[in-house]
Amino acid sequence: MTKPDGRHWHAPDDLVTRYADGTLPEAEAWSVETHVEGCTGCASRVSAAVRGTAAGAVLAGVREAVLAPGAVPEPVTVPAPGAVPEPVVPVRPGPTRVSGPSRAARLLWAAGPAVRGAWLPAVLGVAVAAPVLSYGAGFPGARALLLAVAPVVPVAGVALSYGPHADPLHEVTAATPGGGLRLALVRTVAVLAVSLPLLTLTGLLLPASGAPAAAAWLLPGLALALATLALASLVGCRAAAGLTGGGWLAAVAAAVAVAPGGAVTTRLAGQLSHWLDGAAAQSAWATAAVLSAALLTARRPAYDRPLRP
């Protein structure tokens, strides 16, 4: 570029620095880009400045991947007119080993933030706190309290493992073949695989004290998790978890509050027995799980685009 008096103009250092770190306004950035097309000196300075930023490290990695060692075909020579060309032997590139994350690392990533973040310690805390509360503090209603909280644990895991808040690349992964509902289900299975056996085993270690069986919460937990996934296609994962998990806890609290007489733990155990014990109650939860799965199947296309925050 030239100044009005005809002298050549070069990009000053502060302009180059601001262009490299992305803080230069669009109009000035366009001016710099136009200038470096014809100025080798400024182009070198801009390149050096970009290499010093975080983006420069990423670009260097991409360049190394593109220029990875491999077979390079020989240049093709154009024969002179009338000459007989030599046969061209195609060069087959040799196999190139591309380093990447291990299978265990990929599985851990697919499992989601719920099983590698704060959720897992929270589940372990619940599993340890219940026996301590029962045997250490002599609390008689530990199993009933555990069964009241257990169905919400998978719901919280689902809410934490999928969505824009859980994955910085959510918009990208939602559009990939391995993303969308498939990835959400993989992470839900990981959440269930951790919480179901752990909390059920913990319940078996606690005295019954009139509470339902230790495994009575499994179908309710599954139904609430599937309902959360179905509602997430409409309102987002966190809002859906608030509706399902919060609705369950509110219903339990309201039922205990209006139940007649007795200690709170006794009333809680009695209400949970009505809701969780017996063939009728379990059949109702199984029906709820099937209906939630059907709604989730119908809402599957919504997972092909980013969910709400």
Protein backbone atom coordinates (compact mmCIF):
# COMPACT_ATOMS: atom_id res chain seq x y z
CA MET A 1 0.00 0.00 0.00
CA THR A 2 1.12 3.59 -0.55
CA LYS A 3 0.51 6.81 1.29
CA PRO A 4 -1.06 9.83 -0.49
CA ASP A 5 2.41 11.26 -1.08
CA GLY A 6 3.44 8.11 -2.96
CA ARG A 7 5.70 6.61 -0.28
CA HIS A 8 5.31 2.92 0.48
CA TRP A 9 3.45 2.00 3.67
CA HIS A 10 4.24 -0.95 5.91
CA ALA A 11 2.13 -2.37 8.73
CA PRO A 12 3.42 -1.09 12.10
CA ASP A 13 4.28 -3.59 14.84
CA ASP A 14 1.25 -2.84 17.01
CA LEU A 15 -1.05 -3.40 14.01
CA VAL A 16 0.63 -6.74 13.26
CA THR A 17 0.31 -7.83 16.91
CA ARG A 18 -3.37 -6.93 17.10
CA TYR A 19 -4.01 -8.72 13.80
CA ALA A 20 -2.29 -11.86 15.09
CA ASP A 21 -4.26 -12.02 18.34
CA GLY A 22 -7.57 -11.26 16.61
CA THR A 23 -8.30 -7.87 18.24
CA LEU A 24 -7.92 -5.77 15.10
CA PRO A 25 -11.22 -4.33 13.74
CA GLU A 26 -12.47 -5.95 10.57
CA ALA A 27 -11.78 -2.98 8.28
CA GLU A 28 -8.15 -2.65 9.43
CA ALA A 29 -7.65 -6.44 9.29
CA TRP A 30 -8.87 -6.41 5.70
CA SER A 31 -6.39 -3.64 4.95
CA VAL A 32 -3.51 -5.66 6.44
CA GLU A 33 -4.52 -8.78 4.50
CA THR A 34 -4.64 -6.82 1.25
CA HIS A 35 -1.23 -5.29 1.95
CA VAL A 36 0.60 -8.54 2.77
CA GLU A 37 -0.48 -10.02 -0.57
CA GLY A 38 2.11 -7.79 -2.24
CA CYS A 39 4.60 -7.11 0.57
CA THR A 40 6.89 -10.01 1.43
CA GLY A 41 8.42 -8.25 4.43
CA CYS A 42 5.11 -7.54 6.14
CA ALA A 43 3.85 -11.01 5.25
CA SER A 44 6.85 -12.55 7.06
CA ARG A 45 6.27 -10.36 10.11
CA VAL A 46 2.57 -11.26 10.24
CA SER A 47 3.39 -14.97 9.91
CA ALA A 48 5.93 -14.76 12.73
CA ALA A 49 3.40 -12.96 14.92
CA VAL A 50 0.71 -15.57 14.27
CA ARG A 51 3.13 -18.40 15.04
CA GLY A 52 3.60 -16.90 18.49
CA THR A 53 -0.09 -17.17 19.37
CA ALA A 54 -2.19 -20.16 20.44
CA ALA A 55 -3.54 -20.40 16.91
CA GLY A 56 0.01 -20.70 15.63
CA ALA A 57 0.55 -23.89 17.61
CA VAL A 58 -2.63 -25.38 16.18
CA LEU A 59 -1.66 -24.41 12.64
CA ALA A 60 1.80 -25.91 13.15
CA GLY A 61 0.22 -29.17 14.24
CA VAL A 62 -2.02 -29.22 11.18
CA ARG A 63 0.98 -28.51 8.94
CA GLU A 64 2.97 -31.38 10.48
CA ALA A 65 0.02 -33.75 10.01
CA VAL A 66 -0.34 -32.77 6.36
CA LEU A 67 3.40 -33.09 5.73
CA ALA A 68 3.76 -36.37 7.62
CA PRO A 69 6.48 -38.70 6.29
CA GLY A 70 5.31 -40.88 3.40
CA ALA A 71 6.11 -41.88 -0.11
CA VAL A 72 6.36 -38.92 -2.49
CA PRO A 73 5.78 -39.70 -6.17
CA GLU A 74 8.51 -38.82 -8.59
CA PRO A 75 7.90 -35.75 -10.75
CA VAL A 76 6.48 -36.54 -14.16
CA THR A 77 8.71 -35.49 -17.09
CA VAL A 78 6.99 -34.32 -20.28
CA PRO A 79 8.65 -36.12 -23.26
CA ALA A 80 9.89 -34.16 -26.27
CA PRO A 81 7.73 -34.18 -29.42
CA GLY A 82 8.15 -37.47 -31.27
CA ALA A 83 9.97 -39.21 -28.44
CA VAL A 84 8.66 -42.44 -27.00
CA PRO A 85 7.67 -41.82 -23.40
CA GLU A 86 9.02 -44.14 -20.75
CA PRO A 87 6.44 -46.19 -18.90
CA VAL A 88 5.32 -44.53 -15.69
CA VAL A 89 5.35 -46.81 -12.69
CA PRO A 90 2.82 -45.63 -10.14
CA VAL A 91 4.22 -45.11 -6.68
CA ARG A 92 2.03 -46.53 -3.93
CA PRO A 93 2.36 -44.57 -0.71
CA GLY A 94 3.52 -46.63 2.23
CA PRO A 95 1.34 -46.97 5.29
CA THR A 96 1.54 -44.02 7.63
CA ARG A 97 0.87 -44.49 11.32
CA VAL A 98 -1.24 -41.69 12.64
CA SER A 99 -0.86 -41.24 16.34
CA GLY A 100 -4.03 -40.57 18.27
CA PRO A 101 -5.73 -41.14 21.59
CA SER A 102 -5.92 -44.66 22.93
CA ARG A 103 -9.10 -46.70 22.86
CA ALA A 104 -9.56 -46.15 26.59
CA ALA A 105 -9.25 -42.39 26.12
CA ARG A 106 -11.82 -42.43 23.31
CA LEU A 107 -14.23 -44.46 25.44
CA LEU A 108 -13.75 -42.06 28.33
CA TRP A 109 -14.50 -39.11 26.05
CA ALA A 110 -17.60 -40.83 24.67
CA ALA A 111 -18.79 -41.62 28.18
CA GLY A 112 -18.98 -37.92 28.82
CA PRO A 113 -18.29 -35.40 31.57
CA ALA A 114 -20.67 -37.14 33.96
CA VAL A 115 -18.31 -40.07 34.53
CA ARG A 116 -15.09 -38.06 34.52
CA GLY A 117 -16.16 -34.90 36.33
CA ALA A 118 -17.76 -33.97 39.64
CA TRP A 119 -20.76 -36.29 39.19
CA LEU A 120 -18.82 -39.50 39.86
CA PRO A 121 -17.38 -38.30 43.19
CA ALA A 122 -20.90 -37.17 44.14
CA VAL A 123 -22.31 -40.66 43.46
CA LEU A 124 -19.51 -42.24 45.47
CA GLY A 125 -20.22 -39.76 48.25
CA VAL A 126 -23.88 -40.80 48.36
CA ALA A 127 -22.89 -44.48 48.38
CA VAL A 128 -20.52 -43.93 51.31
CA ALA A 129 -22.71 -41.49 53.25
CA ALA A 130 -25.71 -43.84 53.44
CA PRO A 131 -23.95 -46.64 55.40
CA VAL A 132 -22.16 -44.07 57.57
CA LEU A 133 -25.50 -42.44 58.34
CA SER A 134 -27.11 -45.80 59.11
CA TYR A 135 -24.39 -47.58 61.08
CA GLY A 136 -22.31 -44.67 62.28
CA ALA A 137 -25.07 -42.27 63.31
CA GLY A 138 -27.78 -44.88 63.95
CA PHE A 139 -30.22 -43.24 61.49
CA PRO A 140 -33.09 -45.74 60.97
CA GLY A 141 -34.39 -44.45 57.64
CA ALA A 142 -31.17 -44.50 55.62
CA ARG A 143 -32.47 -46.96 53.01
CA ALA A 144 -35.70 -45.00 52.54
CA LEU A 145 -33.73 -41.78 52.12
CA LEU A 146 -31.40 -43.48 49.64
CA LEU A 147 -34.31 -44.82 47.60
CA ALA A 148 -35.87 -41.35 47.51
CA VAL A 149 -32.68 -39.79 46.13
CA ALA A 150 -31.45 -42.66 43.92
CA PRO A 151 -33.83 -42.13 40.94
CA VAL A 152 -32.55 -38.55 40.59
CA VAL A 153 -28.88 -39.56 40.40
CA PRO A 154 -28.99 -40.87 36.79
CA VAL A 155 -31.05 -37.83 35.81
CA ALA A 156 -28.31 -35.52 37.12
CA GLY A 157 -25.71 -37.56 35.26
CA VAL A 158 -27.61 -37.27 31.98
CA ALA A 159 -27.98 -33.52 32.46
CA LEU A 160 -24.25 -33.09 33.06
CA SER A 161 -23.01 -35.32 30.25
CA TYR A 162 -24.68 -33.94 27.12
CA GLY A 163 -25.47 -30.52 25.73
CA PRO A 164 -23.73 -27.19 25.04
CA HIS A 165 -22.77 -26.75 28.72
CA ALA A 166 -21.02 -30.15 28.79
CA ASP A 167 -19.20 -30.14 25.46
CA PRO A 168 -17.45 -27.10 23.92
CA LEU A 169 -17.77 -28.81 20.51
CA HIS A 170 -21.45 -29.66 20.94
CA GLU A 171 -22.47 -27.92 17.70
CA VAL A 172 -19.91 -29.98 15.79
CA THR A 173 -20.56 -33.34 17.45
CA ALA A 174 -24.32 -32.99 17.08
CA ALA A 175 -23.89 -32.94 13.30
CA THR A 176 -21.49 -35.90 13.07
CA PRO A 177 -22.62 -39.50 12.44
CA GLY A 178 -21.41 -40.51 15.89
CA GLY A 179 -23.02 -37.53 17.61
CA GLY A 180 -26.60 -36.56 18.28
CA LEU A 181 -28.86 -39.09 19.95
CA ARG A 182 -26.30 -41.87 19.57
CA LEU A 183 -23.75 -40.01 21.68
CA ALA A 184 -26.43 -39.02 24.20
CA LEU A 185 -27.45 -42.67 24.60
CA VAL A 186 -23.82 -43.79 24.98
CA ARG A 187 -23.32 -41.29 27.78
CA THR A 188 -26.64 -42.24 29.40
CA VAL A 189 -25.63 -45.91 29.39
CA ALA A 190 -22.32 -44.93 31.02
CA VAL A 191 -24.20 -43.02 33.71
CA LEU A 192 -26.56 -45.93 34.36
CA ALA A 193 -23.73 -48.47 34.35
CA VAL A 194 -22.07 -46.58 37.22
CA SER A 195 -25.04 -45.50 39.32
CA LEU A 196 -27.38 -48.52 39.13
CA PRO A 197 -25.10 -51.24 40.55
CA LEU A 198 -23.35 -48.92 43.01
CA LEU A 199 -26.50 -47.51 44.62
CA THR A 200 -28.30 -50.86 44.54
CA LEU A 201 -25.42 -52.56 46.32
CA THR A 202 -25.41 -49.75 48.87
CA GLY A 203 -29.13 -50.28 49.48
CA LEU A 204 -28.55 -53.98 50.09
CA LEU A 205 -26.10 -53.11 52.86
CA LEU A 206 -28.66 -51.00 54.72
CA PRO A 207 -31.35 -52.23 57.11
CA ALA A 208 -34.79 -52.39 55.50
CA SER A 209 -36.68 -50.56 58.30
CA GLY A 210 -39.93 -50.89 56.36
CA ALA A 211 -38.47 -49.41 53.16
CA PRO A 212 -38.90 -51.09 49.74
CA ALA A 213 -36.37 -53.54 48.33
CA ALA A 214 -32.95 -52.15 47.43
CA ALA A 215 -33.55 -52.69 43.68
CA ALA A 216 -37.04 -51.17 43.66
CA TRP A 217 -35.71 -47.85 42.33
CA LEU A 218 -34.16 -49.28 39.14
CA LEU A 219 -37.21 -48.96 36.87
CA PRO A 220 -38.08 -45.47 38.20
CA GLY A 221 -34.48 -44.37 37.63
CA LEU A 222 -34.53 -45.72 34.07
CA ALA A 223 -37.91 -44.14 33.32
CA LEU A 224 -36.81 -40.74 34.64
CA ALA A 225 -33.56 -40.90 32.63
CA LEU A 226 -35.42 -41.70 29.40
CA ALA A 227 -37.99 -39.00 30.13
CA THR A 228 -35.15 -36.53 30.64
CA LEU A 229 -33.66 -37.40 27.23
CA ALA A 230 -37.06 -37.06 25.56
CA LEU A 231 -37.78 -33.67 27.17
CA ALA A 232 -34.23 -32.48 26.45
CA SER A 233 -35.08 -32.42 22.75
CA LEU A 234 -37.64 -29.73 23.58
CA VAL A 235 -36.20 -27.68 26.42
CA GLY A 236 -32.54 -28.71 26.79
CA CYS A 237 -30.85 -31.18 29.14
CA ARG A 238 -30.66 -29.06 32.27
CA ALA A 239 -34.25 -27.86 32.09
CA ALA A 240 -35.45 -31.39 31.36
CA ALA A 241 -33.51 -32.74 34.36
CA GLY A 242 -35.06 -30.04 36.52
CA LEU A 243 -38.54 -31.08 35.41
CA THR A 244 -38.09 -34.83 35.90
CA GLY A 245 -35.74 -34.96 38.89
CA GLY A 246 -37.29 -31.94 40.58
CA GLY A 247 -40.77 -33.28 39.92
CA TRP A 248 -39.90 -36.61 41.55
CA LEU A 249 -38.39 -34.99 44.65
CA ALA A 250 -41.28 -32.54 44.96
CA ALA A 251 -43.82 -35.37 44.71
CA VAL A 252 -42.01 -37.38 47.40
CA ALA A 253 -41.78 -34.38 49.72
CA ALA A 254 -45.44 -33.47 49.23
CA ALA A 255 -46.59 -37.06 49.87
CA VAL A 256 -44.55 -37.28 53.07
CA ALA A 257 -45.84 -33.91 54.26
CA VAL A 258 -49.51 -34.92 53.97
CA ALA A 259 -49.07 -38.52 55.18
CA PRO A 260 -50.72 -39.13 58.57
CA GLY A 261 -48.74 -39.45 61.83
CA GLY A 262 -45.43 -41.08 62.63
CA ALA A 263 -41.85 -40.02 62.18
CA VAL A 264 -40.72 -38.52 58.89
CA THR A 265 -38.63 -41.58 58.06
CA THR A 266 -41.59 -43.87 58.73
CA ARG A 267 -43.87 -41.81 56.50
CA LEU A 268 -41.19 -41.70 53.79
CA ALA A 269 -40.77 -45.49 53.87
CA GLY A 270 -44.54 -45.95 53.68
CA GLN A 271 -44.98 -43.66 50.69
CA LEU A 272 -42.07 -45.24 48.83
CA SER A 273 -43.57 -48.67 49.46
CA HIS A 274 -46.76 -47.52 47.71
CA TRP A 275 -44.84 -46.07 44.77
CA LEU A 276 -42.07 -48.63 44.32
CA ASP A 277 -43.09 -51.96 45.80
CA GLY A 278 -45.35 -54.52 44.16
CA ALA A 279 -46.18 -55.64 40.65
CA ALA A 280 -48.62 -52.79 40.01
CA ALA A 281 -46.13 -50.05 40.87
CA GLN A 282 -43.29 -51.66 38.91
CA SER A 283 -45.58 -52.23 35.91
CA ALA A 284 -46.52 -48.56 35.95
CA TRP A 285 -42.85 -47.54 35.94
CA ALA A 286 -42.10 -50.02 33.13
CA THR A 287 -44.95 -48.49 31.10
CA ALA A 288 -43.56 -45.01 31.78
CA ALA A 289 -40.13 -46.14 30.58
CA VAL A 290 -41.58 -47.59 27.35
CA LEU A 291 -43.60 -44.42 26.67
CA SER A 292 -40.54 -42.24 27.31
CA ALA A 293 -38.49 -44.38 24.92
CA ALA A 294 -41.22 -44.05 22.27
CA LEU A 295 -41.28 -40.26 22.69
CA LEU A 296 -37.50 -40.16 22.49
CA THR A 297 -37.59 -42.16 19.25
CA ALA A 298 -40.14 -39.75 17.79
CA ARG A 299 -37.99 -36.78 18.83
CA ARG A 300 -34.75 -38.27 17.49
CA PRO A 301 -34.35 -35.74 14.61
CA ALA A 302 -34.10 -32.95 17.20
CA TYR A 303 -30.74 -34.40 18.31
CA ASP A 304 -29.31 -33.88 14.83
CA ARG A 305 -28.91 -30.21 15.66
CA PRO A 306 -27.53 -28.53 18.79
CA LEU A 307 -29.84 -28.67 21.81
CA ARG A 308 -30.81 -25.69 23.86
CA PRO A 309 -28.39 -24.72 26.65
